[in-house]
């Protein structure tokens, strides 16, 4: 009986850890989406008007460009979580 209770407690801890990892992954994805849009916005507004005389874009347009490029070329961004994992090693 005691072993059964111990196993149940361990399995609940694993479930809570999996939920925590899932929440952390979702949070990381949301942060990376905002950062990608910001990077595209800064680079576009810095380079494109000077080099090609394109107009400046806003944040929503930058996110749209990022989504479009991701659809066309695949997921070419380095995920923020991968960068964090590399820094932790």
N, C-alpha and C. Protein backbone atom coordinates (compact mmCIF):
# COMPACT_ATOMS: atom_id res chain seq x y z
N UNK A 1 0.82 -1.19 0.00
CA UNK A 1 0.00 0.00 0.00
C UNK A 1 0.87 1.26 0.00
N UNK A 2 1.89 1.23 0.83
CA UNK A 2 2.78 2.37 0.91
C UNK A 2 3.52 2.60 -0.42
N UNK A 3 3.93 1.51 -1.06
CA UNK A 3 4.60 1.63 -2.35
C UNK A 3 3.68 2.23 -3.41
N UNK A 4 2.41 1.89 -3.35
CA UNK A 4 1.44 2.43 -4.29
C UNK A 4 1.29 3.94 -4.09
N UNK A 5 1.24 4.38 -2.86
CA UNK A 5 1.14 5.81 -2.55
C UNK A 5 2.38 6.54 -3.04
N UNK A 6 3.56 5.96 -2.82
CA UNK A 6 4.81 6.58 -3.26
C UNK A 6 4.84 6.71 -4.78
N UNK A 7 4.38 5.66 -5.47
CA UNK A 7 4.35 5.71 -6.93
C UNK A 7 3.38 6.77 -7.43
N UNK A 8 2.25 6.91 -6.75
CA UNK A 8 1.27 7.93 -7.16
C UNK A 8 1.85 9.33 -6.97
N UNK A 9 2.55 9.54 -5.87
CA UNK A 9 3.16 10.85 -5.62
C UNK A 9 4.22 11.16 -6.67
N UNK A 10 5.04 10.17 -7.03
CA UNK A 10 6.07 10.37 -8.05
C UNK A 10 5.44 10.67 -9.40
N UNK A 11 4.37 9.96 -9.73
CA UNK A 11 3.73 10.21 -11.03
C UNK A 11 3.10 11.59 -11.07
N UNK A 12 2.55 12.06 -9.95
CA UNK A 12 1.99 13.41 -9.92
C UNK A 12 3.08 14.46 -10.09
N UNK A 13 4.25 14.20 -9.50
CA UNK A 13 5.36 15.14 -9.67
C UNK A 13 5.79 15.20 -11.12
N UNK A 14 5.79 14.04 -11.81
CA UNK A 14 6.16 14.03 -13.23
C UNK A 14 5.15 14.80 -14.05
N UNK A 15 3.87 14.64 -13.72
CA UNK A 15 2.81 15.35 -14.44
C UNK A 15 2.97 16.85 -14.25
N UNK A 16 3.23 17.27 -13.00
CA UNK A 16 3.41 18.70 -12.74
C UNK A 16 4.65 19.24 -13.46
N UNK A 17 5.71 18.42 -13.53
CA UNK A 17 6.90 18.85 -14.24
C UNK A 17 6.61 19.00 -15.73
N UNK A 18 5.86 18.05 -16.30
CA UNK A 18 5.52 18.14 -17.72
C UNK A 18 4.66 19.38 -17.98
N UNK A 19 3.73 19.67 -17.09
CA UNK A 19 2.90 20.87 -17.25
C UNK A 19 3.76 22.12 -17.16
N UNK A 20 4.69 22.12 -16.22
CA UNK A 20 5.58 23.26 -16.08
C UNK A 20 6.44 23.47 -17.31
N UNK A 21 6.94 22.37 -17.87
CA UNK A 21 7.73 22.46 -19.10
C UNK A 21 6.89 22.97 -20.25
N UNK A 22 5.63 22.52 -20.32
CA UNK A 22 4.75 22.96 -21.39
C UNK A 22 4.46 24.45 -21.27
N UNK A 23 4.20 24.92 -20.06
CA UNK A 23 3.94 26.35 -19.84
C UNK A 23 5.19 27.15 -20.17
N UNK A 24 6.35 26.64 -19.80
CA UNK A 24 7.60 27.32 -20.10
C UNK A 24 7.83 27.39 -21.61
N UNK A 25 7.53 26.32 -22.33
CA UNK A 25 7.68 26.32 -23.78
C UNK A 25 6.74 27.30 -24.45
N UNK A 26 5.51 27.37 -23.98
CA UNK A 26 4.54 28.31 -24.54
C UNK A 26 5.01 29.74 -24.28
N UNK A 27 5.46 30.01 -23.07
CA UNK A 27 5.95 31.34 -22.73
C UNK A 27 7.16 31.71 -23.59
N UNK A 28 8.07 30.75 -23.79
CA UNK A 28 9.25 30.99 -24.60
C UNK A 28 8.87 31.28 -26.05
N UNK A 29 7.89 30.55 -26.59
CA UNK A 29 7.43 30.78 -27.96
C UNK A 29 6.84 32.18 -28.11
N UNK A 30 6.04 32.59 -27.13
CA UNK A 30 5.42 33.92 -27.20
C UNK A 30 6.50 35.01 -27.17
N UNK A 31 7.46 34.87 -26.29
CA UNK A 31 8.55 35.84 -26.20
C UNK A 31 9.34 35.87 -27.50
N UNK A 32 9.62 34.69 -28.08
CA UNK A 32 10.40 34.67 -29.31
C UNK A 32 9.64 35.30 -30.48
N UNK A 33 8.32 35.14 -30.52
CA UNK A 33 7.53 35.78 -31.57
C UNK A 33 7.65 37.30 -31.48
N UNK A 34 7.54 37.84 -30.28
CA UNK A 34 7.67 39.29 -30.11
C UNK A 34 9.07 39.78 -30.45
N UNK A 35 10.09 39.02 -30.05
CA UNK A 35 11.46 39.43 -30.34
C UNK A 35 11.78 39.35 -31.83
N UNK A 36 11.27 38.31 -32.51
CA UNK A 36 11.50 38.18 -33.95
C UNK A 36 10.89 39.38 -34.69
N UNK A 37 9.69 39.75 -34.32
CA UNK A 37 9.06 40.90 -34.95
C UNK A 37 9.85 42.17 -34.71
N UNK A 38 10.37 42.32 -33.52
CA UNK A 38 11.17 43.50 -33.19
C UNK A 38 12.47 43.54 -33.99
N UNK A 39 13.13 42.39 -34.12
CA UNK A 39 14.38 42.32 -34.88
C UNK A 39 14.12 42.65 -36.35
N UNK A 40 13.06 42.07 -36.92
CA UNK A 40 12.73 42.35 -38.32
C UNK A 40 12.42 43.83 -38.50
N UNK A 41 11.66 44.40 -37.57
CA UNK A 41 11.31 45.82 -37.64
C UNK A 41 12.56 46.70 -37.64
N UNK A 42 13.46 46.45 -36.72
CA UNK A 42 14.66 47.28 -36.61
C UNK A 42 15.53 47.14 -37.85
N UNK A 43 15.76 45.90 -38.29
CA UNK A 43 16.62 45.71 -39.45
C UNK A 43 16.00 46.28 -40.73
N UNK A 44 14.69 46.06 -40.90
CA UNK A 44 14.02 46.59 -42.09
C UNK A 44 14.11 48.11 -42.13
N UNK A 45 13.73 48.75 -41.02
CA UNK A 45 13.70 50.22 -41.00
C UNK A 45 15.09 50.83 -41.05
N UNK A 46 16.10 50.07 -40.73
CA UNK A 46 17.46 50.56 -40.77
C UNK A 46 18.05 50.39 -42.18
N UNK A 47 17.85 49.21 -42.80
CA UNK A 47 18.52 48.90 -44.05
C UNK A 47 17.70 49.20 -45.30
N UNK A 48 16.46 48.80 -45.34
CA UNK A 48 15.69 48.85 -46.57
C UNK A 48 15.48 50.28 -47.11
N UNK A 49 15.14 51.25 -46.27
CA UNK A 49 15.00 52.61 -46.83
C UNK A 49 16.30 53.17 -47.39
N UNK A 50 17.43 52.82 -46.78
CA UNK A 50 18.72 53.33 -47.25
C UNK A 50 19.17 52.64 -48.54
N UNK A 51 19.01 51.33 -48.59
CA UNK A 51 19.53 50.58 -49.72
C UNK A 51 18.61 50.59 -50.94
N UNK A 52 17.31 50.40 -50.70
CA UNK A 52 16.38 50.20 -51.80
C UNK A 52 15.27 51.26 -51.87
N UNK A 53 15.30 52.25 -51.00
CA UNK A 53 14.29 53.31 -50.93
C UNK A 53 12.88 52.76 -50.67
N UNK A 54 12.81 51.67 -49.87
CA UNK A 54 11.51 51.15 -49.44
C UNK A 54 10.99 52.01 -48.30
N UNK A 55 9.69 51.91 -48.05
CA UNK A 55 9.10 52.67 -46.95
C UNK A 55 9.37 51.94 -45.63
N UNK A 56 9.28 52.69 -44.55
CA UNK A 56 9.42 52.09 -43.23
C UNK A 56 8.14 51.33 -42.88
N UNK A 57 8.28 50.30 -42.04
CA UNK A 57 7.13 49.47 -41.68
C UNK A 57 6.87 49.58 -40.19
N UNK A 58 5.67 49.14 -39.76
CA UNK A 58 5.36 49.13 -38.33
C UNK A 58 5.53 47.70 -37.78
N UNK A 59 5.26 47.55 -36.50
CA UNK A 59 5.51 46.27 -35.83
C UNK A 59 4.63 45.15 -36.39
N UNK A 60 3.38 45.43 -36.66
CA UNK A 60 2.49 44.41 -37.21
C UNK A 60 2.94 43.93 -38.57
N UNK A 61 3.39 44.85 -39.40
CA UNK A 61 3.90 44.47 -40.71
C UNK A 61 5.18 43.64 -40.59
N UNK A 62 6.01 43.97 -39.61
CA UNK A 62 7.24 43.19 -39.39
C UNK A 62 6.91 41.76 -38.98
N UNK A 63 5.92 41.60 -38.10
CA UNK A 63 5.50 40.25 -37.71
C UNK A 63 4.93 39.50 -38.91
N UNK A 64 4.18 40.19 -39.75
CA UNK A 64 3.64 39.58 -40.96
C UNK A 64 4.73 39.12 -41.91
N UNK A 65 5.78 39.92 -42.06
CA UNK A 65 6.91 39.53 -42.90
C UNK A 65 7.59 38.30 -42.33
N UNK A 66 7.73 38.26 -41.01
CA UNK A 66 8.34 37.09 -40.37
C UNK A 66 7.53 35.83 -40.57
N UNK A 67 6.21 35.95 -40.45
CA UNK A 67 5.33 34.79 -40.65
C UNK A 67 5.39 34.34 -42.11
N UNK A 68 5.33 35.29 -43.03
CA UNK A 68 5.39 34.97 -44.45
C UNK A 68 6.71 34.29 -44.81
N UNK A 69 7.80 34.84 -44.33
CA UNK A 69 9.11 34.24 -44.61
C UNK A 69 9.21 32.85 -44.00
N UNK A 70 8.64 32.67 -42.81
CA UNK A 70 8.64 31.35 -42.19
C UNK A 70 7.84 30.34 -43.00
N UNK A 71 6.73 30.78 -43.59
CA UNK A 71 5.93 29.88 -44.43
C UNK A 71 6.65 29.53 -45.72
N UNK A 72 7.33 30.50 -46.31
CA UNK A 72 8.00 30.26 -47.59
C UNK A 72 9.28 29.45 -47.41
N UNK A 73 10.10 29.85 -46.49
CA UNK A 73 11.42 29.23 -46.34
C UNK A 73 11.50 28.19 -45.24
N UNK A 74 10.43 27.93 -44.54
CA UNK A 74 10.47 27.03 -43.40
C UNK A 74 10.88 27.80 -42.16
N UNK A 75 10.96 27.10 -41.07
CA UNK A 75 11.30 27.76 -39.80
C UNK A 75 12.81 27.98 -39.76
N UNK A 76 13.25 29.12 -40.27
CA UNK A 76 14.67 29.40 -40.37
C UNK A 76 15.19 30.18 -39.18
N UNK A 77 14.30 30.54 -38.28
CA UNK A 77 14.73 31.28 -37.10
C UNK A 77 15.39 30.33 -36.10
N UNK A 78 16.36 30.83 -35.39
CA UNK A 78 16.91 30.08 -34.27
C UNK A 78 15.99 30.36 -33.09
N UNK A 79 15.44 29.30 -32.54
CA UNK A 79 14.49 29.47 -31.45
C UNK A 79 15.21 29.99 -30.20
N UNK A 80 14.52 30.83 -29.49
CA UNK A 80 15.08 31.42 -28.28
C UNK A 80 15.41 30.35 -27.25
N UNK A 81 14.59 29.32 -27.17
CA UNK A 81 14.85 28.25 -26.21
C UNK A 81 16.14 27.52 -26.54
N UNK A 82 16.46 27.35 -27.83
CA UNK A 82 17.71 26.70 -28.21
C UNK A 82 18.91 27.54 -27.81
N UNK A 83 18.77 28.85 -27.94
CA UNK A 83 19.86 29.74 -27.53
C UNK A 83 20.08 29.64 -26.03
N UNK A 84 18.99 29.62 -25.27
CA UNK A 84 19.10 29.53 -23.82
C UNK A 84 19.74 28.21 -23.41
N UNK A 85 19.35 27.12 -24.06
CA UNK A 85 19.94 25.81 -23.74
C UNK A 85 21.43 25.79 -24.04
N UNK A 86 21.83 26.43 -25.15
CA UNK A 86 23.25 26.47 -25.48
C UNK A 86 24.02 27.29 -24.48
N UNK A 87 23.44 28.36 -23.99
CA UNK A 87 24.13 29.20 -23.01
C UNK A 87 24.26 28.51 -21.66
N UNK A 88 23.29 27.64 -21.34
CA UNK A 88 23.35 26.94 -20.06
C UNK A 88 24.41 25.86 -20.02
N UNK A 89 24.83 25.35 -21.20
CA UNK A 89 25.83 24.27 -21.23
C UNK A 89 27.20 24.75 -20.89
